[in-house]
């Protein structure tokens, strides 16, 4: 006995039902609801597959345009890094100039250092950068613009400071003659062997503070006063050996040690460039040399910062490098 109704799938999209009255299979057409459901499933599947293909194409496969953009971005990144390094180098130079301005030039002329208010005035206004933040890569543009503004402001403040120093120097020209700014030895007859600062002791091998500069030269090489002044010491003194000290006034004293001979006596008035003795190896010394110091109000200063009157800019730059690298102190 046949069932009253029976479904039979003959094709993927065609369905038939057995009709016992006619003893035939009759095609059954899907209802409207079933058609809508099937269409919705097909559409959803298409969207999913399409979405997957889009993501693969977007994140995995580069179009020629995207490839060019990536290459351009890589080049821009390299240029940004180069520009940023140039800013860093320029800032180091500016910091060095400001340090000299505050701790050398203004100290020499007994002027007060430039205050931060004058040096950085107008840089705390954030409104000028608001428009930049609305642009593409606005954060990067704002950062680079701020660095440029910072450096320009420093340059402007420094130019004003140099104008003030120039004016003050013209008023104190006589005083400048009493600042120890000459070399204590002939630059062509002596070698800068020991620099100022922490150096290795030639006897103990330990790191010690070296309060001056060492100039190596043959014994008997003349030593000169580096500025006008009055001799306050000319005697043999412990590790310094034969030592001459000159008071230049305004808080400056220069010291010349390990001399083989002394050509002046306490109380002698000397002019800049006058011979006051000769290089030797007296006291605690490992060889003929001059140990030269500059002190301001009792505190040791780096003498290389004062040795500018006899040198052109190129020579001064060279001797600065030599002083920085000179590590073989001789006392």
Protein backbone atom coordinates (compact mmCIF):
# COMPACT_ATOMS: atom_id res chain seq x y z
CA UNK A 1 0.00 0.00 0.00
CA UNK A 2 1.45 3.36 -1.12
CA UNK A 3 1.68 6.31 1.26
CA UNK A 4 -0.75 9.11 0.67
CA UNK A 5 2.05 11.57 -0.12
CA UNK A 6 5.78 11.19 -0.62
CA UNK A 7 8.54 13.67 -1.38
CA UNK A 8 11.31 12.73 -3.74
CA UNK A 9 14.23 14.98 -4.71
CA UNK A 10 15.03 14.38 -8.38
CA UNK A 11 17.11 17.49 -8.97
CA UNK A 12 18.85 20.12 -6.90
CA UNK A 13 16.06 22.68 -7.37
CA UNK A 14 13.06 20.49 -8.48
CA UNK A 15 10.83 18.46 -6.17
CA UNK A 16 8.08 15.90 -7.09
CA UNK A 17 5.24 14.23 -5.15
CA UNK A 18 3.55 10.91 -5.92
CA UNK A 19 -0.20 11.17 -6.60
CA UNK A 20 -1.90 7.77 -5.98
CA UNK A 21 -5.02 8.84 -7.80
CA UNK A 22 -3.20 9.38 -11.08
CA UNK A 23 -0.41 6.95 -10.25
CA UNK A 24 2.10 9.67 -11.36
CA UNK A 25 4.74 11.93 -9.86
CA UNK A 26 3.68 15.53 -9.98
CA UNK A 27 6.09 18.46 -9.72
CA UNK A 28 5.82 20.52 -6.57
CA UNK A 29 6.74 24.19 -6.80
CA UNK A 30 8.25 25.97 -3.71
CA UNK A 31 6.07 28.41 -1.87
CA UNK A 32 6.80 32.12 -1.99
CA UNK A 33 8.12 32.02 1.56
CA UNK A 34 10.50 29.21 0.72
CA UNK A 35 11.74 31.10 -2.31
CA UNK A 36 12.39 34.20 -0.22
CA UNK A 37 14.24 32.12 2.38
CA UNK A 38 16.42 30.46 -0.26
CA UNK A 39 17.18 33.82 -1.88
CA UNK A 40 18.10 35.32 1.48
CA UNK A 41 20.46 32.44 2.21
CA UNK A 42 22.08 32.79 -1.18
CA UNK A 43 22.47 36.55 -0.71
CA UNK A 44 23.99 36.12 2.76
CA UNK A 45 26.44 33.51 1.49
CA UNK A 46 27.41 35.81 -1.39
CA UNK A 47 28.02 38.71 1.01
CA UNK A 48 30.19 36.56 3.27
CA UNK A 49 32.26 35.19 0.40
CA UNK A 50 32.54 38.67 -1.13
CA UNK A 51 33.61 40.16 2.16
CA UNK A 52 36.31 37.54 2.63
CA UNK A 53 37.60 38.11 -0.90
CA UNK A 54 37.61 41.91 -0.30
CA UNK A 55 39.61 41.55 2.93
CA UNK A 56 42.13 39.24 1.26
CA UNK A 57 42.52 41.66 -1.64
CA UNK A 58 42.78 44.71 0.67
CA UNK A 59 45.29 43.35 3.20
CA UNK A 60 47.23 40.80 1.17
CA UNK A 61 47.21 41.91 -2.44
CA UNK A 62 48.64 45.37 -3.18
CA UNK A 63 47.35 47.31 -6.13
CA UNK A 64 49.88 49.35 -8.14
CA UNK A 65 48.52 52.51 -6.53
CA UNK A 66 48.84 51.09 -3.03
CA UNK A 67 52.36 49.89 -3.83
CA UNK A 68 53.35 53.40 -4.90
CA UNK A 69 51.83 54.87 -1.74
CA UNK A 70 53.75 52.44 0.44
CA UNK A 71 57.00 53.31 -1.34
CA UNK A 72 56.27 57.04 -0.98
CA UNK A 73 55.50 56.58 2.73
CA UNK A 74 58.80 54.72 3.22
CA UNK A 75 60.70 57.57 1.52
CA UNK A 76 58.86 60.19 3.62
CA UNK A 77 59.67 58.27 6.79
CA UNK A 78 63.38 58.22 5.89
CA UNK A 79 63.30 61.95 5.13
CA UNK A 80 61.55 62.63 8.44
CA UNK A 81 64.19 60.65 10.35
CA UNK A 82 66.99 62.53 8.57
CA UNK A 83 65.31 65.89 9.31
CA UNK A 84 64.81 64.91 12.93
CA UNK A 85 68.50 64.01 13.28
CA UNK A 86 69.46 67.35 11.72
CA UNK A 87 67.24 69.10 14.27
CA UNK A 88 68.97 67.13 17.05
CA UNK A 89 72.42 68.18 15.81
CA UNK A 90 71.35 71.81 15.43
CA UNK A 91 69.91 71.75 18.95
CA UNK A 92 73.19 70.38 20.35
CA UNK A 93 75.09 73.23 18.68
CA UNK A 94 72.62 75.76 20.06
CA UNK A 95 72.85 74.26 23.57
CA UNK A 96 76.64 74.53 23.38
CA UNK A 97 76.43 78.18 22.28
CA UNK A 98 74.00 78.99 25.08
CA UNK A 99 76.27 77.27 27.61
CA UNK A 100 79.25 79.33 26.45
CA UNK A 101 77.13 82.46 26.48
CA UNK A 102 76.01 81.94 30.08
CA UNK A 103 79.15 80.37 31.56
CA UNK A 104 81.96 81.98 29.60
CA UNK A 105 81.21 85.20 27.76
CA UNK A 106 78.84 86.59 30.40
CA UNK A 107 81.08 85.39 33.23
CA UNK A 108 84.05 87.13 31.63
CA UNK A 109 82.07 90.35 31.36
CA UNK A 110 80.37 89.87 34.75
CA UNK A 111 76.90 89.87 33.17
CA UNK A 112 73.86 87.97 34.39
CA UNK A 113 72.86 84.87 32.34
CA UNK A 114 69.93 85.14 29.93
CA UNK A 115 66.76 84.03 31.71
CA UNK A 116 64.48 81.31 30.34
CA UNK A 117 61.65 83.88 30.15
CA UNK A 118 63.61 85.91 27.59
CA UNK A 119 65.05 82.89 25.82
CA UNK A 120 61.76 81.04 25.32
CA UNK A 121 59.17 83.84 25.30
CA UNK A 122 56.11 83.17 23.11
CA UNK A 123 56.58 79.40 22.84
CA UNK A 124 53.81 78.40 25.25
CA UNK A 125 50.96 79.48 22.97
CA UNK A 126 49.28 76.31 21.67
CA UNK A 127 46.63 78.11 19.62
CA UNK A 128 48.99 78.62 16.69
CA UNK A 129 49.22 74.85 16.20
CA UNK A 130 45.49 74.03 16.23
CA UNK A 131 45.10 74.27 12.47
CA UNK A 132 47.96 71.83 11.98
CA UNK A 133 46.33 69.13 14.08
CA UNK A 134 43.32 69.11 11.73
CA UNK A 135 45.46 68.14 8.72
CA UNK A 136 46.57 64.70 7.64
CA UNK A 137 49.54 63.66 9.81
CA UNK A 138 48.72 66.70 11.94
CA UNK A 139 50.54 65.37 14.99
CA UNK A 140 53.78 65.00 13.06
CA UNK A 141 53.44 68.45 11.46
CA UNK A 142 52.77 70.01 14.85
CA UNK A 143 55.83 68.33 16.38
CA UNK A 144 58.20 69.43 13.61
CA UNK A 145 56.75 72.96 13.55
CA UNK A 146 57.20 73.28 17.30
CA UNK A 147 60.83 72.17 17.02
CA UNK A 148 61.45 74.71 14.27
CA UNK A 149 59.78 77.51 16.26
CA UNK A 150 61.80 76.53 19.34
CA UNK A 151 65.09 76.70 17.45
CA UNK A 152 64.19 79.98 15.71
CA UNK A 153 63.29 81.56 19.05
CA UNK A 154 66.59 80.43 20.54
CA UNK A 155 68.51 81.88 17.58
CA UNK A 156 66.70 85.20 17.96
CA UNK A 157 67.36 85.35 21.70
CA UNK A 158 71.00 84.39 21.16
CA UNK A 159 71.52 87.12 18.55
CA UNK A 160 70.16 89.67 21.02
CA UNK A 161 72.46 88.28 23.71
CA UNK A 162 75.51 88.60 21.45
CA UNK A 163 74.55 92.21 20.71
CA UNK A 164 74.49 92.87 24.46
CA UNK A 165 77.83 91.11 24.93
CA UNK A 166 79.39 93.12 22.11
CA UNK A 167 78.19 96.37 23.66
CA UNK A 168 79.40 95.35 27.12
CA UNK A 169 82.76 94.21 25.75
CA UNK A 170 83.36 97.56 24.11
CA UNK A 171 82.74 99.21 27.48
CA UNK A 172 85.07 96.80 29.33
CA UNK A 173 87.89 96.48 26.80
CA UNK A 174 90.47 97.38 29.42
CA UNK A 175 89.11 94.72 31.74
CA UNK A 176 89.36 92.08 29.00
CA UNK A 177 93.13 92.55 28.91
CA UNK A 178 93.20 91.16 32.46
CA UNK A 179 91.36 87.94 31.56
CA UNK A 180 93.80 85.03 30.91
CA UNK A 181 92.95 84.53 27.24
CA UNK A 182 96.38 83.93 25.64
CA UNK A 183 98.17 80.61 25.27
CA UNK A 184 100.83 80.03 27.96
CA UNK A 185 103.22 78.47 25.40
CA UNK A 186 104.02 78.88 21.72
CA UNK A 187 101.37 76.79 19.89
CA UNK A 188 104.01 75.56 17.42
CA UNK A 189 106.45 74.36 20.09
CA UNK A 190 104.16 72.48 22.51
CA UNK A 191 101.64 69.65 22.28
CA UNK A 192 98.43 69.53 24.28
CA UNK A 193 98.79 66.18 26.04
CA UNK A 194 96.42 66.31 29.00
CA UNK A 195 92.88 67.72 29.06
CA UNK A 196 90.68 69.24 31.75
CA UNK A 197 88.28 67.04 33.73
CA UNK A 198 88.27 63.38 34.77
CA UNK A 199 91.43 61.70 33.49
CA UNK A 200 93.55 58.65 34.29
CA UNK A 201 96.35 59.31 36.79
CA UNK A 202 99.68 58.29 35.16
CA UNK A 203 101.08 57.04 38.49
CA UNK A 204 98.14 55.30 40.19
CA UNK A 205 96.09 54.50 37.08
CA UNK A 206 92.95 55.74 38.85
CA UNK A 207 90.45 58.24 37.48
CA UNK A 208 91.12 61.68 39.00
CA UNK A 209 89.99 65.23 38.37
CA UNK A 210 92.57 67.18 36.36
CA UNK A 211 92.13 70.89 37.12
CA UNK A 212 94.05 72.23 34.12
CA UNK A 213 95.78 71.48 30.83
CA UNK A 214 99.15 69.81 30.25
CA UNK A 215 101.39 71.10 27.45
CA UNK A 216 104.28 68.76 26.61
CA UNK A 217 107.43 70.42 25.25
CA UNK A 218 111.21 70.18 25.63
CA UNK A 219 112.64 71.42 28.89
CA UNK A 220 113.53 75.10 28.70
CA UNK A 221 110.65 76.04 26.36
CA UNK A 222 109.48 79.55 27.38
CA UNK A 223 106.24 80.00 29.36
CA UNK A 224 104.27 83.26 29.06
CA UNK A 225 101.76 85.17 31.18
CA UNK A 226 98.31 84.79 29.65
CA UNK A 227 97.07 88.25 30.76
CA UNK A 228 98.11 91.39 32.62
CA UNK A 229 98.44 90.89 36.36
CA UNK A 230 100.53 90.70 39.50
CA UNK A 231 102.67 87.71 40.51
CA UNK A 232 101.47 86.40 43.86
CA UNK A 233 103.45 83.12 43.98
CA UNK A 234 106.87 82.15 42.61
CA UNK A 235 108.24 79.25 44.64
CA UNK A 236 108.59 75.48 44.88
CA UNK A 237 105.39 73.93 46.17
CA UNK A 238 104.88 70.20 46.84
CA UNK A 239 103.63 68.25 43.83
CA UNK A 240 103.45 71.37 41.64
CA UNK A 241 107.22 71.79 41.76
CA UNK A 242 108.31 75.29 40.73
CA UNK A 243 105.07 77.24 40.38
CA UNK A 244 104.12 80.77 39.38
CA UNK A 245 100.66 82.20 40.14
CA UNK A 246 99.39 85.49 38.70
CA UNK A 247 96.44 87.46 40.05
CA UNK A 248 94.72 89.20 37.14
CA UNK A 249 92.01 90.89 39.19
CA UNK A 250 88.24 90.50 38.80
CA UNK A 251 88.52 87.08 40.47
CA UNK A 252 90.91 85.50 37.92
CA UNK A 253 94.15 83.71 38.82
CA UNK A 254 96.37 81.71 36.45
CA UNK A 255 98.76 78.97 37.60
CA UNK A 256 101.92 77.63 35.86
CA UNK A 257 103.52 74.51 37.39
CA UNK A 258 106.52 72.10 37.03
CA UNK A 259 108.75 74.92 35.74
CA UNK A 260 112.49 74.37 35.33
CA UNK A 261 113.08 78.05 36.14
CA UNK A 262 111.06 81.08 37.29
CA UNK A 263 111.80 84.48 35.73
CA UNK A 264 109.60 86.58 38.07
CA UNK A 265 109.21 87.21 41.79
CA UNK A 266 106.16 87.78 44.02
CA UNK A 267 104.89 91.34 43.57
CA UNK A 268 106.12 91.64 39.96
CA UNK A 269 103.65 93.35 37.61
CA UNK A 270 103.54 91.51 34.30
CA UNK A 271 101.95 92.22 30.94
CA UNK A 272 100.19 89.63 28.78
CA UNK A 273 102.77 87.67 26.78
CA UNK A 274 105.71 88.33 29.15
CA UNK A 275 108.02 85.34 29.72
CA UNK A 276 107.67 84.19 33.33
CA UNK A 277 109.59 80.91 33.29
CA UNK A 278 110.44 77.76 31.33
CA UNK A 279 108.98 74.29 31.00
CA UNK A 280 110.49 71.63 33.24
CA UNK A 281 109.66 68.46 35.16
CA UNK A 282 109.88 69.55 38.80
CA UNK A 283 107.51 68.20 41.43
CA UNK A 284 105.26 65.24 40.66
CA UNK A 285 105.84 64.91 36.93
CA UNK A 286 106.39 62.13 34.41
CA UNK A 287 108.21 64.31 31.87
CA UNK A 288 108.88 67.91 30.79
CA UNK A 289 105.58 69.76 30.51
CA UNK A 290 103.60 72.77 31.71
CA UNK A 291 100.58 72.25 33.94
CA UNK A 292 98.39 75.33 33.36
CA UNK A 293 95.28 76.30 35.35
CA UNK A 294 92.76 79.15 35.30
CA UNK A 295 90.73 79.81 38.44
CA UNK A 296 87.79 82.16 38.89
CA UNK A 297 87.00 83.09 42.49
CA UNK A 298 88.95 80.03 43.61
CA UNK A 299 87.13 77.56 41.37
CA UNK A 300 89.01 75.71 38.61
CA UNK A 301 87.84 76.58 35.09
CA UNK A 302 88.55 74.80 31.81
CA UNK A 303 91.48 76.86 30.42
CA UNK A 304 90.63 75.93 26.84
CA UNK A 305 87.55 78.14 27.04
CA UNK A 306 89.81 81.16 27.57
CA UNK A 307 92.42 80.48 24.87
CA UNK A 308 90.85 82.46 22.07
CA UNK A 309 92.83 85.69 21.51
CA UNK A 310 95.66 84.10 19.52
CA UNK A 311 93.57 81.64 17.53
CA UNK A 312 91.39 81.97 14.45
CA UNK A 313 88.04 80.09 14.47
CA UNK A 314 89.53 77.03 12.72
CA UNK A 315 92.47 76.79 15.13
CA UNK A 316 90.17 77.28 18.12
CA UNK A 317 87.87 74.50 16.90
CA UNK A 318 90.86 72.19 16.42
CA UNK A 319 92.28 72.87 19.87
CA UNK A 320 88.87 72.28 21.46
CA UNK A 321 88.82 68.82 19.89
CA UNK A 322 92.39 68.14 21.02
CA UNK A 323 91.57 69.19 24.58
CA UNK A 324 88.53 66.92 24.66
CA UNK A 325 90.56 63.91 23.47
CA UNK A 326 93.78 64.63 25.38
CA UNK A 327 93.84 61.97 28.10
CA UNK A 328 97.54 61.47 28.91
CA UNK A 329 98.06 63.80 31.84
CA UNK A 330 101.67 64.06 33.01
CA UNK A 331 101.28 64.98 36.70
